[in-house]
């Protein structure tokens, strides 16, 4: 039997906070567990795992709960490239100092002598 790899502590904390926030959002909306699970098309046990931040629950199930709560638009921001500071910095480092047009491109763009 294979043992699942350990979840990094910061990820575990983030999932736990997400679960707590989802539980708080559900309670603020006065949605009972059974109704929430039904609306999200998941079992009450899965909802309980989500609200505890269980990393074994699929992202799709987390997304369903967010949708029921009206918070699904935030999924668009999770890995948005415009807020990826490290990725943008690495990309800037790789920008060329000069851009040269290849000979083929120059020849293709230059007017032929017959046209002149």
C-alpha atoms as a PDB file:
ATOM      1  CA  UNK A   1       0.000   0.000   0.000  1.00  0.00           C
ATOM      2  CA  UNK A   2       1.427   3.399  -1.008  1.00  0.00           C
ATOM      3  CA  UNK A   3       1.528   6.189   1.488  1.00  0.00           C
ATOM      4  CA  UNK A   4       0.383   9.563   0.175  1.00  0.00           C
ATOM      5  CA  UNK A   5       3.067  12.209   0.066  1.00  0.00           C
ATOM      6  CA  UNK A   6       2.967  14.727   2.874  1.00  0.00           C
ATOM      7  CA  UNK A   7       1.232  18.020   2.200  1.00  0.00           C
ATOM      8  CA  UNK A   8       3.503  21.020   2.872  1.00  0.00           C
ATOM      9  CA  UNK A   9       2.551  22.787   6.099  1.00  0.00           C
ATOM     10  CA  UNK A  10       1.713  26.146   4.430  1.00  0.00           C
ATOM     11  CA  UNK A  11      -0.598  24.342   1.985  1.00  0.00           C
ATOM     12  CA  UNK A  12      -2.250  22.447   4.806  1.00  0.00           C
ATOM     13  CA  UNK A  13      -2.825  25.712   6.686  1.00  0.00           C
ATOM     14  CA  UNK A  14      -4.232  27.398   3.586  1.00  0.00           C
ATOM     15  CA  UNK A  15      -6.673  24.529   2.978  1.00  0.00           C
ATOM     16  CA  UNK A  16      -7.738  24.572   6.615  1.00  0.00           C
ATOM     17  CA  UNK A  17      -8.391  28.320   6.413  1.00  0.00           C
ATOM     18  CA  UNK A  18     -10.286  27.881   3.146  1.00  0.00           C
ATOM     19  CA  UNK A  19     -12.457  25.220   4.763  1.00  0.00           C
ATOM     20  CA  UNK A  20     -13.153  27.413   7.778  1.00  0.00           C
ATOM     21  CA  UNK A  21     -13.980  30.366   5.525  1.00  0.00           C
ATOM     22  CA  UNK A  22     -16.381  28.233   3.466  1.00  0.00           C
ATOM     23  CA  UNK A  23     -18.059  27.000   6.639  1.00  0.00           C
ATOM     24  CA  UNK A  24     -18.407  30.564   7.920  1.00  0.00           C
ATOM     25  CA  UNK A  25     -19.837  31.703   4.567  1.00  0.00           C
ATOM     26  CA  UNK A  26     -22.371  28.859   4.611  1.00  0.00           C
ATOM     27  CA  UNK A  27     -23.401  29.655   8.178  1.00  0.00           C
ATOM     28  CA  UNK A  28     -23.702  33.393   7.466  1.00  0.00           C
ATOM     29  CA  UNK A  29     -26.102  32.519   4.662  1.00  0.00           C
ATOM     30  CA  UNK A  30     -28.034  30.285   7.066  1.00  0.00           C
ATOM     31  CA  UNK A  31     -27.670  27.251   4.776  1.00  0.00           C
ATOM     32  CA  UNK A  32     -27.925  23.921   6.629  1.00  0.00           C
ATOM     33  CA  UNK A  33     -25.313  21.240   5.891  1.00  0.00           C
ATOM     34  CA  UNK A  34     -27.823  18.916   4.230  1.00  0.00           C
ATOM     35  CA  UNK A  35     -29.116  21.629   1.890  1.00  0.00           C
ATOM     36  CA  UNK A  36     -25.611  22.816   1.025  1.00  0.00           C
ATOM     37  CA  UNK A  37     -24.508  19.296   0.174  1.00  0.00           C
ATOM     38  CA  UNK A  38     -27.605  18.788  -1.957  1.00  0.00           C
ATOM     39  CA  UNK A  39     -27.107  22.064  -3.850  1.00  0.00           C
ATOM     40  CA  UNK A  40     -23.435  21.238  -4.468  1.00  0.00           C
ATOM     41  CA  UNK A  41     -24.308  17.653  -5.515  1.00  0.00           C
ATOM     42  CA  UNK A  42     -21.947  16.189  -2.921  1.00  0.00           C
ATOM     43  CA  UNK A  43     -22.437  14.091   0.207  1.00  0.00           C
ATOM     44  CA  UNK A  44     -22.626  15.602   3.659  1.00  0.00           C
ATOM     45  CA  UNK A  45     -19.406  13.734   4.490  1.00  0.00           C
ATOM     46  CA  UNK A  46     -17.614  15.408   1.557  1.00  0.00           C
ATOM     47  CA  UNK A  47     -18.903  18.812   2.666  1.00  0.00           C
ATOM     48  CA  UNK A  48     -17.616  18.100   6.160  1.00  0.00           C
ATOM     49  CA  UNK A  49     -14.193  17.235   4.728  1.00  0.00           C
ATOM     50  CA  UNK A  50     -14.199  20.440   2.659  1.00  0.00           C
ATOM     51  CA  UNK A  51     -15.038  22.531   5.698  1.00  0.00           C
ATOM     52  CA  UNK A  52     -12.108  20.907   7.528  1.00  0.00           C
ATOM     53  CA  UNK A  53      -9.750  21.626   4.622  1.00  0.00           C
ATOM     54  CA  UNK A  54      -9.144  17.991   3.659  1.00  0.00           C
ATOM     55  CA  UNK A  55      -6.556  17.893   0.824  1.00  0.00           C
ATOM     56  CA  UNK A  56      -7.992  14.604  -0.464  1.00  0.00           C
ATOM     57  CA  UNK A  57     -11.197  16.244  -1.680  1.00  0.00           C
ATOM     58  CA  UNK A  58     -11.159  17.098  -5.379  1.00  0.00           C
ATOM     59  CA  UNK A  59     -10.822  20.689  -6.476  1.00  0.00           C
ATOM     60  CA  UNK A  60     -14.062  20.268  -8.405  1.00  0.00           C
ATOM     61  CA  UNK A  61     -15.944  19.693  -5.166  1.00  0.00           C
ATOM     62  CA  UNK A  62     -14.406  22.793  -3.617  1.00  0.00           C
ATOM     63  CA  UNK A  63     -15.463  24.681  -6.774  1.00  0.00           C
ATOM     64  CA  UNK A  64     -19.051  23.415  -6.463  1.00  0.00           C
ATOM     65  CA  UNK A  65     -19.256  24.711  -2.894  1.00  0.00           C
ATOM     66  CA  UNK A  66     -17.831  28.067  -3.981  1.00  0.00           C
ATOM     67  CA  UNK A  67     -20.451  28.210  -6.749  1.00  0.00           C
ATOM     68  CA  UNK A  68     -23.318  27.531  -4.357  1.00  0.00           C
ATOM     69  CA  UNK A  69     -22.020  30.313  -2.113  1.00  0.00           C
ATOM     70  CA  UNK A  70     -21.661  32.701  -5.066  1.00  0.00           C
ATOM     71  CA  UNK A  71     -17.886  32.876  -4.628  1.00  0.00           C
ATOM     72  CA  UNK A  72     -16.821  30.952  -7.750  1.00  0.00           C
ATOM     73  CA  UNK A  73     -15.519  34.075  -9.544  1.00  0.00           C
ATOM     74  CA  UNK A  74     -12.547  34.055  -7.169  1.00  0.00           C
ATOM     75  CA  UNK A  75     -11.303  30.857  -8.820  1.00  0.00           C
ATOM     76  CA  UNK A  76     -10.264  33.006 -11.775  1.00  0.00           C
ATOM     77  CA  UNK A  77      -7.776  34.828  -9.559  1.00  0.00           C
ATOM     78  CA  UNK A  78      -5.993  31.820  -8.028  1.00  0.00           C
ATOM     79  CA  UNK A  79      -3.187  31.441 -10.562  1.00  0.00           C
ATOM     80  CA  UNK A  80      -3.755  34.532 -12.690  1.00  0.00           C
ATOM     81  CA  UNK A  81      -0.557  35.245 -14.630  1.00  0.00           C
ATOM     82  CA  UNK A  82      -0.853  38.984 -14.075  1.00  0.00           C
ATOM     83  CA  UNK A  83      -0.349  38.461 -10.341  1.00  0.00           C
ATOM     84  CA  UNK A  84       2.514  35.961 -10.727  1.00  0.00           C
ATOM     85  CA  UNK A  85       5.353  38.215  -9.574  1.00  0.00           C
ATOM     86  CA  UNK A  86       8.015  35.504  -9.778  1.00  0.00           C
ATOM     87  CA  UNK A  87       6.953  34.372 -13.244  1.00  0.00           C
ATOM     88  CA  UNK A  88       6.853  37.940 -14.539  1.00  0.00           C
ATOM     89  CA  UNK A  89      10.300  38.675 -13.084  1.00  0.00           C
ATOM     90  CA  UNK A  90      11.757  35.547 -14.681  1.00  0.00           C
ATOM     91  CA  UNK A  91      10.178  36.470 -18.004  1.00  0.00           C
ATOM     92  CA  UNK A  92      11.653  39.970 -17.813  1.00  0.00           C
ATOM     93  CA  UNK A  93      15.112  38.485 -17.219  1.00  0.00           C
ATOM     94  CA  UNK A  94      14.792  36.441 -20.418  1.00  0.00           C
ATOM     95  CA  UNK A  95      13.824  39.349 -22.649  1.00  0.00           C
ATOM     96  CA  UNK A  96      16.346  39.781 -25.467  1.00  0.00           C
ATOM     97  CA  UNK A  97      18.596  42.839 -25.463  1.00  0.00           C
ATOM     98  CA  UNK A  98      18.236  43.197 -29.219  1.00  0.00           C
ATOM     99  CA  UNK A  99      15.781  41.897 -31.733  1.00  0.00           C
ATOM    100  CA  UNK A 100      17.149  41.054 -35.164  1.00  0.00           C
ATOM    101  CA  UNK A 101      15.221  40.361 -38.296  1.00  0.00           C
ATOM    102  CA  UNK A 102      16.408  37.194 -39.985  1.00  0.00           C
ATOM    103  CA  UNK A 103      17.695  37.300 -43.551  1.00  0.00           C
ATOM    104  CA  UNK A 104      14.713  35.340 -44.786  1.00  0.00           C
ATOM    105  CA  UNK A 105      12.284  37.875 -43.318  1.00  0.00           C
ATOM    106  CA  UNK A 106      14.273  40.801 -44.762  1.00  0.00           C
ATOM    107  CA  UNK A 107      14.299  39.240 -48.195  1.00  0.00           C
ATOM    108  CA  UNK A 108      10.601  38.431 -48.033  1.00  0.00           C
ATOM    109  CA  UNK A 109       9.699  42.017 -47.071  1.00  0.00           C
ATOM    110  CA  UNK A 110      12.073  43.769 -49.497  1.00  0.00           C
ATOM    111  CA  UNK A 111      10.448  44.792 -52.827  1.00  0.00           C
ATOM    112  CA  UNK A 112      11.786  42.921 -55.794  1.00  0.00           C
ATOM    113  CA  UNK A 113      13.793  44.799 -58.426  1.00  0.00           C
ATOM    114  CA  UNK A 114      11.175  44.031 -61.073  1.00  0.00           C
ATOM    115  CA  UNK A 115       8.516  45.901 -59.049  1.00  0.00           C
ATOM    116  CA  UNK A 116      10.633  49.020 -58.706  1.00  0.00           C
END
